[in-house]
N, C-alpha and C. Protein backbone atom coordinates (compact mmCIF):
# COMPACT_ATOMS: atom_id res chain seq x y z
N MET A 1 10.24 19.44 -2.47
CA MET A 1 11.37 18.86 -3.58
C MET A 1 10.78 19.22 -4.94
N LEU A 2 11.65 19.44 -5.77
CA LEU A 2 11.38 19.46 -7.09
C LEU A 2 11.07 18.27 -7.94
N PRO A 3 10.21 17.84 -8.90
CA PRO A 3 10.19 16.64 -9.50
C PRO A 3 11.45 16.40 -10.17
N ALA A 4 12.45 17.47 -10.81
CA ALA A 4 13.61 16.98 -11.33
C ALA A 4 14.43 16.36 -10.29
N ASP A 5 14.56 16.90 -9.01
CA ASP A 5 15.44 16.47 -7.99
C ASP A 5 15.00 15.11 -7.37
N LEU A 6 13.65 15.02 -7.61
CA LEU A 6 13.22 13.60 -7.24
C LEU A 6 13.80 12.35 -8.12
N MET A 7 13.66 12.72 -9.48
CA MET A 7 14.22 11.80 -10.57
C MET A 7 15.35 11.57 -10.21
N THR A 8 16.23 12.30 -10.07
CA THR A 8 17.82 12.55 -9.78
C THR A 8 18.51 11.91 -8.48
N SER A 9 17.58 11.68 -7.59
CA SER A 9 17.98 11.30 -6.05
C SER A 9 16.98 10.18 -5.86
N ALA A 10 17.45 8.85 -6.25
CA ALA A 10 16.36 8.03 -5.85
C ALA A 10 16.44 7.45 -4.51
N SER A 11 17.61 7.84 -3.58
CA SER A 11 17.59 7.57 -2.45
C SER A 11 16.42 8.42 -1.49
N ARG A 12 15.92 9.44 -1.69
CA ARG A 12 15.04 10.16 -1.12
C ARG A 12 13.44 9.21 -1.35
N VAL A 13 13.33 8.85 -2.38
CA VAL A 13 12.16 8.34 -2.57
C VAL A 13 12.13 6.73 -2.62
N LEU A 14 12.86 6.17 -1.87
CA LEU A 14 12.65 4.57 -1.46
C LEU A 14 12.00 4.38 -0.33
N GLY A 15 11.05 3.32 -0.62
CA GLY A 15 10.04 3.19 0.47
C GLY A 15 10.52 2.59 1.53
N CYS A 16 9.91 2.58 2.95
CA CYS A 16 10.29 2.75 4.01
C CYS A 16 10.42 1.05 4.48
N SER A 17 10.43 0.39 5.76
CA SER A 17 10.33 -0.87 5.95
C SER A 17 8.81 -1.55 5.92
N VAL A 18 7.80 -0.84 6.14
CA VAL A 18 6.50 -1.07 5.81
C VAL A 18 6.49 -1.69 4.42
N CYS A 19 6.88 -0.95 3.65
CA CYS A 19 6.70 -1.19 2.26
C CYS A 19 7.33 -2.08 1.66
N TYR A 20 8.50 -2.44 2.26
CA TYR A 20 9.16 -3.49 1.90
C TYR A 20 8.75 -4.88 2.74
N GLY A 21 7.98 -4.70 3.77
CA GLY A 21 7.47 -6.06 4.35
C GLY A 21 8.44 -6.52 5.31
N ALA A 22 9.29 -5.44 6.19
CA ALA A 22 10.10 -5.90 7.19
C ALA A 22 9.22 -6.02 8.50
N ALA A 23 8.77 -7.36 8.85
CA ALA A 23 7.63 -7.52 9.83
C ALA A 23 8.44 -7.25 11.40
N ASP A 24 9.37 -7.50 11.53
CA ASP A 24 9.89 -7.23 12.67
C ASP A 24 10.81 -5.84 12.87
N SER A 25 10.49 -4.79 11.83
CA SER A 25 10.90 -3.43 12.41
C SER A 25 10.01 -2.75 12.87
N PRO A 26 10.52 -1.91 13.95
CA PRO A 26 9.49 -1.01 14.94
C PRO A 26 8.89 -0.10 14.31
N LEU A 27 9.07 0.24 13.07
CA LEU A 27 8.08 0.81 12.34
C LEU A 27 6.86 0.31 11.94
N THR A 28 7.08 -0.79 11.55
CA THR A 28 5.83 -1.85 11.47
C THR A 28 4.93 -2.06 12.53
N ALA A 29 5.82 -2.22 14.05
CA ALA A 29 4.95 -2.52 15.21
C ALA A 29 4.60 -1.09 15.68
N GLY A 30 4.92 0.05 15.30
CA GLY A 30 4.35 1.11 15.43
C GLY A 30 3.04 1.55 14.80
N LEU A 31 2.98 1.12 13.47
CA LEU A 31 2.21 1.25 12.55
C LEU A 31 0.91 0.19 12.93
N ASN A 32 1.21 -0.99 13.32
CA ASN A 32 0.11 -1.76 13.75
C ASN A 32 -0.55 -1.41 14.99
N MET A 33 0.42 -0.86 16.10
CA MET A 33 -0.29 -0.48 17.08
C MET A 33 -1.27 0.94 17.01
N GLY A 34 -0.87 2.07 16.09
CA GLY A 34 -1.61 2.86 15.61
C GLY A 34 -2.82 2.57 15.03
N ILE A 35 -2.97 1.42 14.19
CA ILE A 35 -4.39 0.88 13.54
C ILE A 35 -5.14 0.49 14.67
N LEU A 36 -4.42 -0.41 15.57
CA LEU A 36 -5.27 -0.86 16.50
C LEU A 36 -5.81 0.18 17.42
N SER A 37 -5.09 1.22 17.79
CA SER A 37 -5.55 2.14 18.58
C SER A 37 -6.52 3.03 17.95
N MET A 38 -6.80 3.43 16.72
CA MET A 38 -7.55 3.89 16.16
C MET A 38 -8.85 2.99 15.77
N LEU A 39 -8.56 1.86 15.64
CA LEU A 39 -9.75 0.81 15.63
C LEU A 39 -10.78 0.57 17.10
N ALA A 40 -9.79 0.92 18.18
CA ALA A 40 -10.31 0.71 19.54
C ALA A 40 -11.09 1.92 19.69
N ILE A 41 -10.66 3.17 19.22
CA ILE A 41 -11.31 4.53 19.21
C ILE A 41 -12.77 4.48 18.69
N LEU A 42 -12.71 3.91 17.17
CA LEU A 42 -13.85 3.88 16.81
C LEU A 42 -14.81 2.96 17.41
N VAL A 43 -14.62 1.80 17.89
CA VAL A 43 -15.22 0.70 18.51
C VAL A 43 -16.06 1.34 19.79
N PHE A 44 -15.31 2.18 20.62
CA PHE A 44 -15.37 2.81 21.76
C PHE A 44 -16.71 3.88 21.36
N VAL A 45 -16.60 4.94 20.46
CA VAL A 45 -17.44 5.81 20.13
C VAL A 45 -18.69 5.29 19.44
N LEU A 46 -18.42 4.01 18.55
CA LEU A 46 -19.96 3.67 18.12
C LEU A 46 -20.53 2.87 19.07
N ALA A 47 -20.13 2.43 20.24
CA ALA A 47 -20.61 1.50 21.30
C ALA A 47 -21.41 2.92 22.21
N LEU A 48 -21.02 4.14 22.46
CA LEU A 48 -21.32 5.18 22.89
C LEU A 48 -22.78 5.72 22.11
N PHE A 49 -22.54 5.52 20.76
CA PHE A 49 -23.42 5.96 19.90
C PHE A 49 -24.93 5.29 20.33
N ALA A 50 -24.35 3.62 20.08
CA ALA A 50 -25.52 2.81 20.24
C ALA A 50 -26.18 3.21 21.59
N ARG A 51 -25.47 3.35 22.82
CA ARG A 51 -25.84 3.28 24.21
C ARG A 51 -26.80 4.45 24.14
N PHE A 52 -26.27 5.69 23.50
CA PHE A 52 -27.27 6.85 23.33
C PHE A 52 -28.58 6.57 22.84
N PHE A 53 -28.89 5.90 21.73
CA PHE A 53 -30.00 5.66 20.96
C PHE A 53 -30.66 4.36 21.96
N TRP A 54 -30.01 3.43 22.59
CA TRP A 54 -30.66 2.57 23.46
C TRP A 54 -31.30 3.19 24.81
N ALA A 55 -30.81 4.47 25.31
CA ALA A 55 -31.31 5.04 26.23
C ALA A 55 -32.47 6.03 25.96
N PHE A 56 -32.41 6.31 24.61
CA PHE A 56 -33.74 7.11 24.31
C PHE A 56 -34.83 6.26 23.86
N ARG A 57 -34.60 4.67 23.60
CA ARG A 57 -35.55 3.66 23.28
C ARG A 57 -36.26 3.31 24.36
N LYS A 58 -35.14 3.24 25.76
CA LYS A 58 -35.89 2.89 26.81
C LYS A 58 -36.74 4.07 27.30
N ARG A 59 -36.33 5.24 27.33
CA ARG A 59 -37.46 6.24 27.85
C ARG A 59 -38.50 6.41 27.32
N ALA A 60 -38.39 6.12 25.82
CA ALA A 60 -39.65 6.05 25.03
C ALA A 60 -40.62 4.99 25.24
N LYS A 61 -39.88 3.95 25.58
CA LYS A 61 -40.99 2.50 26.33
C LYS A 61 -41.59 2.95 27.81
N GLU A 62 -40.83 3.82 28.42
CA GLU A 62 -41.11 4.53 29.98
C GLU A 62 -42.41 5.36 29.42
N LEU A 63 -42.39 6.10 28.44
CA LEU A 63 -43.37 7.06 28.34
C LEU A 63 -44.67 6.37 28.05
N VAL A 64 -44.74 5.40 27.48
CA VAL A 64 -46.05 4.90 26.72
C VAL A 64 -46.51 3.93 27.86
């Protein structure tokens, strides 16, 4: 889209239901589930990372 086209057609640049705060919208529910899914993946990866170093620490103690 060209900038002039955006200025003349306001309907294309209107915000979605999330922007307007429609809490009961399916789009908002999907967005919230996406955020929770990404947070769950992040926590899982960080837990695996911590477990990896915990295993190294345990092995180091066994060698000493």
